[in-house]
Amino acid sequence: MNLKSKFKNVQDYFSPKVIGEVNDVYVKIAKIKGDKIPWHNHKNEDELFYIVEGSLLFEIEDKDSFVMNEGDIFIIKRGVNHKVSAEEECKIMLIENKSTAHTGEINSDITKTIEEQLS
């Protein structure tokens, strides 16, 4: 599988797509542009972000925000409030437990169910 070619199947921003699984973990890709992702956390799961292309602004509650660039990896620990955004299109890969809700317990107009992420 070529990771970058998989992004041809991602039409909408903020809409993760599952591209594989390892045991109880999904490997997902998403395109980010803008700041529609709400502040949220995942109470029981850590989440890994890998920047495939572009730059991503990462904000963590009560900490300084930082920019991730192509090739960067960051793991956000369970229970930590966070949000991400990008001025220009950013392509990311996520590694998450299968139980991880897209926007935690926050429902917004961009929240996707796991069924939507599998399609």
PDB file of N, CA and C in Angstrom:
ATOM      1  N   MET A   1       0.855  -1.181   0.000  1.00  0.00           N
ATOM      2  CA  MET A   1       0.000   0.000   0.000  1.00  0.00           C
ATOM      3  C   MET A   1       0.894   1.236   0.000  1.00  0.00           C
ATOM      4  N   ASN A   2       0.536   2.200  -0.807  1.00  0.00           N
ATOM      5  CA  ASN A   2       1.236   3.476  -0.803  1.00  0.00           C
ATOM      6  C   ASN A   2       0.370   4.472  -0.038  1.00  0.00           C
ATOM      7  N   LEU A   3       0.904   4.964   1.079  1.00  0.00           N
ATOM      8  CA  LEU A   3       0.136   5.836   1.969  1.00  0.00           C
ATOM      9  C   LEU A   3      -0.365   7.083   1.249  1.00  0.00           C
ATOM     10  N   LYS A   4       0.502   7.771   0.533  1.00  0.00           N
ATOM     11  CA  LYS A   4       0.087   9.020  -0.124  1.00  0.00           C
ATOM     12  C   LYS A   4      -0.989   8.791  -1.172  1.00  0.00           C
ATOM     13  N   SER A   5      -0.950   7.663  -1.875  1.00  0.00           N
ATOM     14  CA  SER A   5      -1.979   7.410  -2.896  1.00  0.00           C
ATOM     15  C   SER A   5      -3.340   7.161  -2.268  1.00  0.00           C
ATOM     16  N   LYS A   6      -3.395   6.713  -1.028  1.00  0.00           N
ATOM     17  CA  LYS A   6      -4.673   6.466  -0.347  1.00  0.00           C
ATOM     18  C   LYS A   6      -5.482   7.751  -0.162  1.00  0.00           C
ATOM     19  N   PHE A   7      -4.820   8.908  -0.150  1.00  0.00           N
ATOM     20  CA  PHE A   7      -5.524  10.177   0.047  1.00  0.00           C
ATOM     21  C   PHE A   7      -6.430  10.525  -1.132  1.00  0.00           C
ATOM     22  N   LYS A   8      -6.269   9.869  -2.279  1.00  0.00           N
ATOM     23  CA  LYS A   8      -7.161  10.103  -3.414  1.00  0.00           C
ATOM     24  C   LYS A   8      -8.593   9.713  -3.069  1.00  0.00           C
ATOM     25  N   ASN A   9      -8.757   8.808  -2.095  1.00  0.00           N
ATOM     26  CA  ASN A   9     -10.089   8.347  -1.678  1.00  0.00           C
ATOM     27  C   ASN A   9     -10.705   9.210  -0.581  1.00  0.00           C
ATOM     28  N   VAL A  10      -9.988  10.220  -0.113  1.00  0.00           N
ATOM     29  CA  VAL A  10     -10.496  11.105   0.945  1.00  0.00           C
ATOM     30  C   VAL A  10     -10.966  12.392   0.286  1.00  0.00           C
ATOM     31  N   GLN A  11     -12.275  12.564   0.222  1.00  0.00           N
ATOM     32  CA  GLN A  11     -12.852  13.720  -0.469  1.00  0.00           C
ATOM     33  C   GLN A  11     -13.086  14.914   0.454  1.00  0.00           C
ATOM     34  N   ASP A  12     -13.476  14.653   1.698  1.00  0.00           N
ATOM     35  CA  ASP A  12     -13.886  15.724   2.609  1.00  0.00           C
ATOM     36  C   ASP A  12     -12.854  15.957   3.704  1.00  0.00           C
ATOM     37  N   TYR A  13     -12.721  17.211   4.106  1.00  0.00           N
ATOM     38  CA  TYR A  13     -11.870  17.544   5.247  1.00  0.00           C
ATOM     39  C   TYR A  13     -12.536  17.054   6.536  1.00  0.00           C
ATOM     40  N   PHE A  14     -11.709  16.764   7.534  1.00  0.00           N
ATOM     41  CA  PHE A  14     -12.169  16.341   8.870  1.00  0.00           C
ATOM     42  C   PHE A  14     -12.955  15.033   8.834  1.00  0.00           C
ATOM     43  N   SER A  15     -12.695  14.191   7.852  1.00  0.00           N
ATOM     44  CA  SER A  15     -13.446  12.950   7.700  1.00  0.00           C
ATOM     45  C   SER A  15     -12.472  11.769   7.613  1.00  0.00           C
ATOM     46  N   PRO A  16     -12.027  11.244   8.761  1.00  0.00           N
ATOM     47  CA  PRO A  16     -11.044  10.154   8.751  1.00  0.00           C
ATOM     48  C   PRO A  16     -11.563   8.919   8.027  1.00  0.00           C
ATOM     49  N   LYS A  17     -10.635   8.228   7.366  1.00  0.00           N
ATOM     50  CA  LYS A  17     -10.949   6.978   6.674  1.00  0.00           C
ATOM     51  C   LYS A  17     -10.012   5.890   7.185  1.00  0.00           C
ATOM     52  N   VAL A  18     -10.573   4.759   7.539  1.00  0.00           N
ATOM     53  CA  VAL A  18      -9.784   3.619   7.987  1.00  0.00           C
ATOM     54  C   VAL A  18      -9.117   2.991   6.767  1.00  0.00           C
ATOM     55  N   ILE A  19      -7.775   2.824   6.846  1.00  0.00           N
ATOM     56  CA  ILE A  19      -7.061   2.202   5.730  1.00  0.00           C
ATOM     57  C   ILE A  19      -6.429   0.864   6.144  1.00  0.00           C
ATOM     58  N   GLY A  20      -6.531   0.524   7.428  1.00  0.00           N
ATOM     59  CA  GLY A  20      -5.984  -0.743   7.883  1.00  0.00           C
ATOM     60  C   GLY A  20      -6.249  -0.943   9.359  1.00  0.00           C
ATOM     61  N   GLU A  21      -5.918  -2.129   9.829  1.00  0.00           N
ATOM     62  CA  GLU A  21      -6.062  -2.405  11.256  1.00  0.00           C
ATOM     63  C   GLU A  21      -4.972  -3.362  11.697  1.00  0.00           C
ATOM     64  N   VAL A  22      -4.559  -3.168  12.931  1.00  0.00           N
ATOM     65  CA  VAL A  22      -3.565  -4.019  13.573  1.00  0.00           C
ATOM     66  C   VAL A  22      -4.133  -4.368  14.948  1.00  0.00           C
ATOM     67  N   ASN A  23      -4.501  -5.619  15.138  1.00  0.00           N
ATOM     68  CA  ASN A  23      -5.119  -6.066  16.384  1.00  0.00           C
ATOM     69  C   ASN A  23      -6.345  -5.208  16.694  1.00  0.00           C
ATOM     70  N   ASP A  24      -6.366  -4.491  17.808  1.00  0.00           N
ATOM     71  CA  ASP A  24      -7.513  -3.664  18.179  1.00  0.00           C
ATOM     72  C   ASP A  24      -7.302  -2.188  17.861  1.00  0.00           C
ATOM     73  N   VAL A  25      -6.471  -1.909  16.848  1.00  0.00           N
ATOM     74  CA  VAL A  25      -6.112  -0.535  16.497  1.00  0.00           C
ATOM     75  C   VAL A  25      -6.432  -0.290  15.021  1.00  0.00           C
ATOM     76  N   TYR A  26      -7.001   0.891  14.740  1.00  0.00           N
ATOM     77  CA  TYR A  26      -7.225   1.306  13.359  1.00  0.00           C
ATOM     78  C   TYR A  26      -6.100   2.234  12.913  1.00  0.00           C
ATOM     79  N   VAL A  27      -5.723   2.114  11.658  1.00  0.00           N
ATOM     80  CA  VAL A  27      -4.851   3.072  10.999  1.00  0.00           C
ATOM     81  C   VAL A  27      -5.769   3.890  10.100  1.00  0.00           C
ATOM     82  N   LYS A  28      -5.765   5.224  10.307  1.00  0.00           N
ATOM     83  CA  LYS A  28      -6.681   6.108   9.581  1.00  0.00           C
ATOM     84  C   LYS A  28      -5.893   7.212   8.901  1.00  0.00           C
ATOM     85  N   ILE A  29      -6.485   7.765   7.855  1.00  0.00           N
ATOM     86  CA  ILE A  29      -5.940   8.963   7.234  1.00  0.00           C
ATOM     87  C   ILE A  29      -7.037  10.012   7.182  1.00  0.00           C
ATOM     88  N   ALA A  30      -6.615  11.282   7.139  1.00  0.00           N
ATOM     89  CA  ALA A  30      -7.575  12.376   7.050  1.00  0.00           C
ATOM     90  C   ALA A  30      -6.895  13.592   6.440  1.00  0.00           C
ATOM     91  N   LYS A  31      -7.714  14.437   5.838  1.00  0.00           N
ATOM     92  CA  LYS A  31      -7.258  15.736   5.361  1.00  0.00           C
ATOM     93  C   LYS A  31      -7.845  16.788   6.297  1.00  0.00           C
ATOM     94  N   ILE A  32      -7.009  17.730   6.700  1.00  0.00           N
ATOM     95  CA  ILE A  32      -7.434  18.798   7.602  1.00  0.00           C
ATOM     96  C   ILE A  32      -7.208  20.133   6.903  1.00  0.00           C
ATOM     97  N   LYS A  33      -8.209  21.003   6.917  1.00  0.00           N
ATOM     98  CA  LYS A  33      -8.066  22.377   6.454  1.00  0.00           C
ATOM     99  C   LYS A  33      -9.128  23.199   7.159  1.00  0.00           C
ATOM    100  N   GLY A  34      -8.689  24.203   7.892  1.00  0.00           N
ATOM    101  CA  GLY A  34      -9.598  25.020   8.676  1.00  0.00           C
ATOM    102  C   GLY A  34      -9.539  24.628  10.138  1.00  0.00           C
ATOM    103  N   ASP A  35     -10.532  25.094  10.878  1.00  0.00           N
ATOM    104  CA  ASP A  35     -10.510  24.870  12.337  1.00  0.00           C
ATOM    105  C   ASP A  35     -11.848  24.387  12.882  1.00  0.00           C
ATOM    106  N   LYS A  36     -12.474  23.447  12.189  1.00  0.00           N
ATOM    107  CA  LYS A  36     -13.786  22.950  12.605  1.00  0.00           C
ATOM    108  C   LYS A  36     -13.725  21.889  13.700  1.00  0.00           C
ATOM    109  N   ILE A  37     -12.559  21.338  13.968  1.00  0.00           N
ATOM    110  CA  ILE A  37     -12.473  20.290  14.990  1.00  0.00           C
ATOM    111  C   ILE A  37     -12.622  20.929  16.363  1.00  0.00           C
ATOM    112  N   PRO A  38     -13.603  20.475  17.151  1.00  0.00           N
ATOM    113  CA  PRO A  38     -13.833  21.075  18.469  1.00  0.00           C
ATOM    114  C   PRO A  38     -12.808  20.587  19.500  1.00  0.00           C
ATOM    115  N   TRP A  39     -12.687  21.347  20.579  1.00  0.00           N
ATOM    116  CA  TRP A  39     -11.904  20.868  21.715  1.00  0.00           C
ATOM    117  C   TRP A  39     -12.535  19.558  22.175  1.00  0.00           C
ATOM    118  N   HIS A  40     -11.702  18.542  22.396  1.00  0.00           N
ATOM    119  CA  HIS A  40     -12.217  17.248  22.836  1.00  0.00           C
ATOM    120  C   HIS A  40     -11.093  16.433  23.464  1.00  0.00           C
ATOM    121  N   ASN A  41     -11.462  15.306  24.038  1.00  0.00           N
ATOM    122  CA  ASN A  41     -10.464  14.358  24.528  1.00  0.00           C
ATOM    123  C   ASN A  41     -11.014  12.954  24.346  1.00  0.00           C
ATOM    124  N   HIS A  42     -10.150  11.999  24.555  1.00  0.00           N
ATOM    125  CA  HIS A  42     -10.532  10.594  24.490  1.00  0.00           C
ATOM    126  C   HIS A  42     -10.211  10.019  25.868  1.00  0.00           C
ATOM    127  N   LYS A  43     -11.245   9.784  26.655  1.00  0.00           N
ATOM    128  CA  LYS A  43     -11.066   9.415  28.066  1.00  0.00           C
ATOM    129  C   LYS A  43     -10.211   8.180  28.289  1.00  0.00           C
ATOM    130  N   ASN A  44     -10.315   7.200  27.400  1.00  0.00           N
ATOM    131  CA  ASN A  44      -9.657   5.914  27.650  1.00  0.00           C
ATOM    132  C   ASN A  44      -8.595   5.538  26.626  1.00  0.00           C
ATOM    133  N   GLU A  45      -8.325   6.415  25.663  1.00  0.00           N
ATOM    134  CA  GLU A  45      -7.415   6.036  24.597  1.00  0.00           C
ATOM    135  C   GLU A  45      -6.389   7.123  24.299  1.00  0.00           C
ATOM    136  N   ASP A  46      -5.146   6.698  24.043  1.00  0.00           N
ATOM    137  CA  ASP A  46      -4.134   7.583  23.484  1.00  0.00           C
ATOM    138  C   ASP A  46      -4.385   7.651  21.978  1.00  0.00           C
ATOM    139  N   GLU A  47      -3.795   8.666  21.330  1.00  0.00           N
ATOM    140  CA  GLU A  47      -3.995   8.849  19.888  1.00  0.00           C
ATOM    141  C   GLU A  47      -2.673   9.312  19.275  1.00  0.00           C
ATOM    142  N   LEU A  48      -2.262   8.662  18.189  1.00  0.00           N
ATOM    143  CA  LEU A  48      -1.017   9.028  17.521  1.00  0.00           C
ATOM    144  C   LEU A  48      -1.315   9.785  16.241  1.00  0.00           C
ATOM    145  N   PHE A  49      -0.649  10.925  16.066  1.00  0.00           N
ATOM    146  CA  PHE A  49      -0.749  11.753  14.869  1.00  0.00           C
ATOM    147  C   PHE A  49       0.576  11.688  14.124  1.00  0.00           C
ATOM    148  N   TYR A  50       0.517  11.434  12.817  1.00  0.00           N
ATOM    149  CA  TYR A  50       1.697  11.469  11.958  1.00  0.00           C
ATOM    150  C   TYR A  50       1.377  12.387  10.790  1.00  0.00           C
ATOM    151  N   ILE A  51       2.232  13.366  10.538  1.00  0.00           N
ATOM    152  CA  ILE A  51       1.990  14.310   9.446  1.00  0.00           C
ATOM    153  C   ILE A  51       2.606  13.758   8.166  1.00  0.00           C
ATOM    154  N   VAL A  52       1.747  13.441   7.217  1.00  0.00           N
ATOM    155  CA  VAL A  52       2.171  12.892   5.936  1.00  0.00           C
ATOM    156  C   VAL A  52       2.603  14.017   4.998  1.00  0.00           C
ATOM    157  N   GLU A  53       1.823  15.111   5.031  1.00  0.00           N
ATOM    158  CA  GLU A  53       2.110  16.245   4.143  1.00  0.00           C
ATOM    159  C   GLU A  53       1.473  17.494   4.726  1.00  0.00           C
ATOM    160  N   GLY A  54       2.191  18.612   4.702  1.00  0.00           N
ATOM    161  CA  GLY A  54       1.655  19.874   5.185  1.00  0.00           C
ATOM    162  C   GLY A  54       2.037  20.164   6.624  1.00  0.00           C
ATOM    163  N   SER A  55       1.295  21.087   7.239  1.00  0.00           N
ATOM    164  CA  SER A  55       1.540  21.510   8.616  1.00  0.00           C
ATOM    165  C   SER A  55       0.231  21.526   9.392  1.00  0.00           C
ATOM    166  N   LEU A  56       0.309  21.165  10.656  1.00  0.00           N
ATOM    167  CA  LEU A  56      -0.864  21.063  11.521  1.00  0.00           C
ATOM    168  C   LEU A  56      -0.607  21.843  12.804  1.00  0.00           C
ATOM    169  N   LEU A  57      -1.536  22.723  13.152  1.00  0.00           N
ATOM    170  CA  LEU A  57      -1.449  23.423  14.443  1.00  0.00           C
ATOM    171  C   LEU A  57      -2.086  22.524  15.488  1.00  0.00           C
ATOM    172  N   PHE A  58      -1.332  22.197  16.525  1.00  0.00           N
ATOM    173  CA  PHE A  58      -1.809  21.321  17.591  1.00  0.00           C
ATOM    174  C   PHE A  58      -1.961  22.159  18.852  1.00  0.00           C
ATOM    175  N   GLU A  59      -3.154  22.152  19.420  1.00  0.00           N
ATOM    176  CA  GLU A  59      -3.421  22.896  20.644  1.00  0.00           C
ATOM    177  C   GLU A  59      -3.794  21.915  21.745  1.00  0.00           C
ATOM    178  N   ILE A  60      -3.198  22.116  22.908  1.00  0.00           N
ATOM    179  CA  ILE A  60      -3.468  21.297  24.081  1.00  0.00           C
ATOM    180  C   ILE A  60      -3.854  22.243  25.212  1.00  0.00           C
ATOM    181  N   GLU A  61      -4.934  21.922  25.888  1.00  0.00           N
ATOM    182  CA  GLU A  61      -5.430  22.776  26.969  1.00  0.00           C
ATOM    183  C   GLU A  61      -4.336  23.044  27.999  1.00  0.00           C
ATOM    184  N   ASP A  62      -4.183  24.311  28.369  1.00  0.00           N
ATOM    185  CA  ASP A  62      -3.230  24.765  29.390  1.00  0.00           C
ATOM    186  C   ASP A  62      -1.767  24.554  29.005  1.00  0.00           C
ATOM    187  N   LYS A  63      -1.490  24.410  27.705  1.00  0.00           N
ATOM    188  CA  LYS A  63      -0.107  24.285  27.229  1.00  0.00           C
ATOM    189  C   LYS A  63       0.059  25.178  26.008  1.00  0.00           C
ATOM    190  N   ASP A  64       1.307  25.452  25.657  1.00  0.00           N
ATOM    191  CA  ASP A  64       1.570  26.219  24.448  1.00  0.00           C
ATOM    192  C   ASP A  64       1.231  25.390  23.220  1.00  0.00           C
ATOM    193  N   SER A  65       0.609  26.024  22.230  1.00  0.00           N
ATOM    194  CA  SER A  65       0.334  25.326  20.980  1.00  0.00           C
ATOM    195  C   SER A  65       1.635  25.157  20.206  1.00  0.00           C
ATOM    196  N   PHE A  66       1.632  24.236  19.250  1.00  0.00           N
ATOM    197  CA  PHE A  66       2.827  23.998  18.444  1.00  0.00           C
ATOM    198  C   PHE A  66       2.413  23.530  17.060  1.00  0.00           C
ATOM    199  N   VAL A  67       3.330  23.665  16.119  1.00  0.00           N
ATOM    200  CA  VAL A  67       3.071  23.264  14.741  1.00  0.00           C
ATOM    201  C   VAL A  67       3.812  21.967  14.458  1.00  0.00           C
ATOM    202  N   MET A  68       3.091  21.024  13.885  1.00  0.00           N
ATOM    203  CA  MET A  68       3.682  19.775  13.421  1.00  0.00           C
ATOM    204  C   MET A  68       3.857  19.885  11.909  1.00  0.00           C
ATOM    205  N   ASN A  69       4.977  19.388  11.403  1.00  0.00           N
ATOM    206  CA  ASN A  69       5.273  19.423   9.978  1.00  0.00           C
ATOM    207  C   ASN A  69       5.475  18.018   9.443  1.00  0.00           C
ATOM    208  N   GLU A  70       5.551  17.913   8.125  1.00  0.00           N
ATOM    209  CA  GLU A  70       5.711  16.626   7.458  1.00  0.00           C
ATOM    210  C   GLU A  70       6.781  15.774   8.146  1.00  0.00           C
ATOM    211  N   GLY A  71       6.406  14.538   8.456  1.00  0.00           N
ATOM    212  CA  GLY A  71       7.320  13.602   9.108  1.00  0.00           C
ATOM    213  C   GLY A  71       7.237  13.595  10.621  1.00  0.00           C
ATOM    214  N   ASP A  72       6.559  14.591  11.222  1.00  0.00           N
ATOM    215  CA  ASP A  72       6.448  14.666  12.685  1.00  0.00           C
ATOM    216  C   ASP A  72       5.406  13.684  13.206  1.00  0.00           C
ATOM    217  N   ILE A  73       5.668  13.170  14.395  1.00  0.00           N
ATOM    218  CA  ILE A  73       4.745  12.288  15.114  1.00  0.00           C
ATOM    219  C   ILE A  73       4.510  12.879  16.489  1.00  0.00           C
ATOM    220  N   PHE A  74       3.258  12.795  16.953  1.00  0.00           N
ATOM    221  CA  PHE A  74       2.937  13.223  18.319  1.00  0.00           C
ATOM    222  C   PHE A  74       1.876  12.289  18.871  1.00  0.00           C
ATOM    223  N   ILE A  75       2.026  11.919  20.130  1.00  0.00           N
ATOM    224  CA  ILE A  75       1.044  11.073  20.810  1.00  0.00           C
ATOM    225  C   ILE A  75       0.366  11.918  21.880  1.00  0.00           C
ATOM    226  N   ILE A  76      -0.945  12.047  21.750  1.00  0.00           N
ATOM    227  CA  ILE A  76      -1.730  12.750  22.765  1.00  0.00           C
ATOM    228  C   ILE A  76      -2.267  11.695  23.726  1.00  0.00           C
ATOM    229  N   LYS A  77      -2.027  11.904  24.987  1.00  0.00           N
ATOM    230  CA  LYS A  77      -2.422  10.924  25.992  1.00  0.00           C
ATOM    231  C   LYS A  77      -3.918  11.008  26.290  1.00  0.00           C
ATOM    232  N   ARG A  78      -4.456   9.904  26.711  1.00  0.00           N
ATOM    233  CA  ARG A  78      -5.880   9.823  27.054  1.00  0.00           C
ATOM    234  C   ARG A  78      -6.261  10.896  28.067  1.00  0.00           C
ATOM    235  N   GLY A  79      -7.465  11.440  27.876  1.00  0.00           N
ATOM    236  CA  GLY A  79      -8.008  12.416  28.812  1.00  0.00           C
ATOM    237  C   GLY A  79      -7.519  13.837  28.640  1.00  0.00           C
ATOM    238  N   VAL A  80      -6.605  14.094  27.703  1.00  0.00           N
ATOM    239  CA  VAL A  80      -6.050  15.439  27.516  1.00  0.00           C
ATOM    240  C   VAL A  80      -6.858  16.172  26.442  1.00  0.00           C
ATOM    241  N   ASN A  81      -7.429  17.330  26.810  1.00  0.00           N
ATOM    242  CA  ASN A  81      -8.198  18.129  25.859  1.00  0.00           C
ATOM    243  C   ASN A  81      -7.274  18.688  24.787  1.00  0.00           C
ATOM    244  N   HIS A  82      -7.714  18.551  23.535  1.00  0.00           N
ATOM    245  CA  HIS A  82      -6.897  19.009  22.420  1.00  0.00           C
ATOM    246  C   HIS A  82      -7.767  19.348  21.223  1.00  0.00           C
ATOM    247  N   LYS A  83      -7.168  20.046  20.264  1.00  0.00           N
ATOM    248  CA  LYS A  83      -7.794  20.312  18.972  1.00  0.00           C
ATOM    249  C   LYS A  83      -6.688  20.568  17.966  1.00  0.00           C
ATOM    250  N   VAL A  84      -7.004  20.319  16.706  1.00  0.00           N
ATOM    251  CA  VAL A  84      -6.041  20.561  15.638  1.00  0.00           C
ATOM    252  C   VAL A  84      -6.693  21.383  14.547  1.00  0.00           C
ATOM    253  N   SER A  85      -5.853  22.095  13.786  1.00  0.00           N
ATOM    254  CA  SER A  85      -6.344  22.887  12.666  1.00  0.00           C
ATOM    255  C   SER A  85      -5.198  23.080  11.680  1.00  0.00           C
ATOM    256  N   ALA A  86      -5.542  23.559  10.481  1.00  0.00           N
ATOM    257  CA  ALA A  86      -4.528  23.816   9.462  1.00  0.00           C
ATOM    258  C   ALA A  86      -5.011  24.933   8.543  1.00  0.00           C
ATOM    259  N   GLU A  87      -4.139  25.898   8.275  1.00  0.00           N
ATOM    260  CA  GLU A  87      -4.490  26.974   7.341  1.00  0.00           C
ATOM    261  C   GLU A  87      -4.567  26.447   5.919  1.00  0.00           C
ATOM    262  N   GLU A  88      -3.621  25.608   5.540  1.00  0.00           N
ATOM    263  CA  GLU A  88      -3.598  24.969   4.230  1.00  0.00           C
ATOM    264  C   GLU A  88      -3.856  23.480   4.420  1.00  0.00           C
ATOM    265  N   GLU A  89      -4.207  22.791   3.358  1.00  0.00           N
ATOM    266  CA  GLU A  89      -4.495  21.366   3.473  1.00  0.00           C
ATOM    267  C   GLU A  89      -3.322  20.609   4.102  1.00  0.00           C
ATOM    268  N   CYS A  90      -3.650  19.783   5.075  1.00  0.00           N
ATOM    269  CA  CYS A  90      -2.679  18.937   5.761  1.00  0.00           C
ATOM    270  C   CYS A  90      -3.186  17.502   5.717  1.00  0.00           C
ATOM    271  N   LYS A  91      -2.308  16.581   5.364  1.00  0.00           N
ATOM    272  CA  LYS A  91      -2.668  15.173   5.308  1.00  0.00           C
ATOM    273  C   LYS A  91      -2.040  14.472   6.506  1.00  0.00           C
ATOM    274  N   ILE A  92      -2.873  13.767   7.268  1.00  0.00           N
ATOM    275  CA  ILE A  92      -2.389  13.120   8.481  1.00  0.00           C
ATOM    276  C   ILE A  92      -2.748  11.637   8.495  1.00  0.00           C
ATOM    277  N   MET A  93      -1.982  10.897   9.269  1.00  0.00           N
ATOM    278  CA  MET A  93      -2.314   9.515   9.575  1.00  0.00           C
ATOM    279  C   MET A  93      -2.528   9.451  11.083  1.00  0.00           C
ATOM    280  N   LEU A  94      -3.558   8.736  11.480  1.00  0.00           N
ATOM    281  CA  LEU A  94      -3.892   8.551  12.884  1.00  0.00           C
ATOM    282  C   LEU A  94      -3.809   7.073  13.226  1.00  0.00           C
ATOM    283  N   ILE A  95      -3.333   6.775  14.401  1.00  0.00           N
ATOM    284  CA  ILE A  95      -3.379   5.409  14.910  1.00  0.00           C
ATOM    285  C   ILE A  95      -4.149   5.471  16.219  1.00  0.00           C
ATOM    286  N   GLU A  96      -5.292   4.777  16.232  1.00  0.00           N
ATOM    287  CA  GLU A  96      -6.225   4.863  17.362  1.00  0.00           C
ATOM    288  C   GLU A  96      -6.825   3.495  17.670  1.00  0.00           C
ATOM    289  N   ASN A  97      -7.162   3.288  18.935  1.00  0.00           N
ATOM    290  CA  ASN A  97      -7.922   2.087  19.294  1.00  0.00           C
ATOM    291  C   ASN A  97      -9.228   2.092  18.515  1.00  0.00           C
ATOM    292  N   LYS A  98      -9.757   0.921  18.244  1.00  0.00           N
ATOM    293  CA  LYS A  98     -11.025   0.825  17.521  1.00  0.00           C
ATOM    294  C   LYS A  98     -12.166   1.482  18.291  1.00  0.00           C
ATOM    295  N   SER A  99     -12.021   1.624  19.592  1.00  0.00           N
ATOM    296  CA  SER A  99     -13.069   2.223  20.423  1.00  0.00           C
ATOM    297  C   SER A  99     -13.007   3.754  20.456  1.00  0.00           C
ATOM    298  N   THR A 100     -11.997   4.357  19.839  1.00  0.00           N
ATOM    299  CA  THR A 100     -11.819   5.807  19.913  1.00  0.00           C
ATOM    300  C   THR A 100     -12.881   6.538  19.101  1.00  0.00           C
ATOM    301  N   ALA A 101     -13.652   7.394  19.773  1.00  0.00           N
ATOM    302  CA  ALA A 101     -14.661   8.215  19.098  1.00  0.00           C
ATOM    303  C   ALA A 101     -13.972   9.390  18.414  1.00  0.00           C
ATOM    304  N   HIS A 102     -14.401   9.702  17.215  1.00  0.00           N
ATOM    305  CA  HIS A 102     -13.773  10.723  16.375  1.00  0.00           C
ATOM    306  C   HIS A 102     -13.519  12.029  17.121  1.00  0.00           C
ATOM    307  N   THR A 103     -14.518  12.585  17.759  1.00  0.00           N
ATOM    308  CA  THR A 103     -14.352  13.838  18.499  1.00  0.00           C
ATOM    309  C   THR A 103     -14.686  13.633  19.980  1.00  0.00           C
ATOM    310  N   GLY A 104     -14.277  12.493  20.512  1.00  0.00           N
ATOM    311  CA  GLY A 104     -14.541  12.199  21.919  1.00  0.00           C
ATOM    312  C   GLY A 104     -16.028  12.192  22.202  1.00  0.00           C
ATOM    313  N   GLU A 105     -16.405  12.797  23.307  1.00  0.00           N
ATOM    314  CA  GLU A 105     -17.822  12.869  23.681  1.00  0.00           C
ATOM    315  C   GLU A 105     -18.517  14.097  23.099  1.00  0.00           C
ATOM    316  N   ILE A 106     -17.784  14.884  22.312  1.00  0.00           N
ATOM    317  CA  ILE A 106     -18.338  16.088  21.700  1.00  0.00           C
ATOM    318  C   ILE A 106     -18.888  15.730  20.322  1.00  0.00           C
ATOM    319  N   ASN A 107     -20.151  16.048  20.087  1.00  0.00           N
ATOM    320  CA  ASN A 107     -20.751  15.853  18.773  1.00  0.00           C
ATOM    321  C   ASN A 107     -20.833  17.203  18.082  1.00  0.00           C
ATOM    322  N   SER A 108     -20.322  17.256  16.858  1.00  0.00           N
ATOM    323  CA  SER A 108     -20.382  18.487  16.076  1.00  0.00           C
ATOM    324  C   SER A 108     -20.746  18.123  14.639  1.00  0.00           C
ATOM    325  N   ASP A 109     -20.813  19.122  13.786  1.00  0.00           N
ATOM    326  CA  ASP A 109     -21.195  18.861  12.399  1.00  0.00           C
ATOM    327  C   ASP A 109     -20.134  18.075  11.628  1.00  0.00           C
ATOM    328  N   ILE A 110     -18.942  17.906  12.186  1.00  0.00           N
ATOM    329  CA  ILE A 110     -17.905  17.125  11.497  1.00  0.00           C
ATOM    330  C   ILE A 110     -17.704  15.737  12.112  1.00  0.00           C
ATOM    331  N   THR A 111     -18.373  15.441  13.223  1.00  0.00           N
ATOM    332  CA  THR A 111     -18.205  14.152  13.896  1.00  0.00           C
ATOM    333  C   THR A 111     -18.640  13.014  12.979  1.00  0.00           C
ATOM    334  N   LYS A 112     -17.792  11.997  12.885  1.00  0.00           N
ATOM    335  CA  LYS A 112     -18.066  10.823  12.037  1.00  0.00           C
ATOM    336  C   LYS A 112     -18.127   9.581  12.902  1.00  0.00           C
ATOM    337  N   THR A 113     -19.094   8.730  12.618  1.00  0.00           N
ATOM    338  CA  THR A 113     -19.184   7.439  13.296  1.00  0.00           C
ATOM    339  C   THR A 113     -18.106   6.520  12.739  1.00  0.00           C
ATOM    340  N   ILE A 114     -17.834   5.435  13.422  1.00  0.00           N
ATOM    341  CA  ILE A 114     -16.849   4.492  12.906  1.00  0.00           C
ATOM    342  C   ILE A 114     -17.332   3.884  11.591  1.00  0.00           C
ATOM    343  N   GLU A 115     -18.630   3.695  11.445  1.00  0.00           N
ATOM    344  CA  GLU A 115     -19.171   3.171  10.190  1.00  0.00           C
ATOM    345  C   GLU A 115     -18.869   4.118   9.031  1.00  0.00           C
ATOM    346  N   GLU A 116     -19.000   5.409   9.265  1.00  0.00           N
ATOM    347  CA  GLU A 116     -18.676   6.402   8.226  1.00  0.00           C
ATOM    348  C   GLU A 116     -17.185   6.397   7.906  1.00  0.00           C
ATOM    349  N   GLN A 117     -16.368   6.119   8.897  1.00  0.00           N
ATOM    350  CA  GLN A 117     -14.921   6.098   8.687  1.00  0.00           C
ATOM    351  C   GLN A 117     -14.464   4.836   7.949  1.00  0.00           C
ATOM    352  N   LEU A 118     -15.267   3.788   8.028  1.00  0.00           N
ATOM    353  CA  LEU A 118     -14.942   2.535   7.345  1.00  0.00           C
ATOM    354  C   LEU A 118     -15.352   2.532   5.877  1.00  0.00           C
ATOM    355  N   SER A 119     -16.237   3.449   5.504  1.00  0.00           N
ATOM    356  CA  SER A 119     -16.753   3.427   4.123  1.00  0.00           C
ATOM    357  C   SER A 119     -15.835   4.141   3.152  1.00  0.00           C
TER     358      SER A 119
END
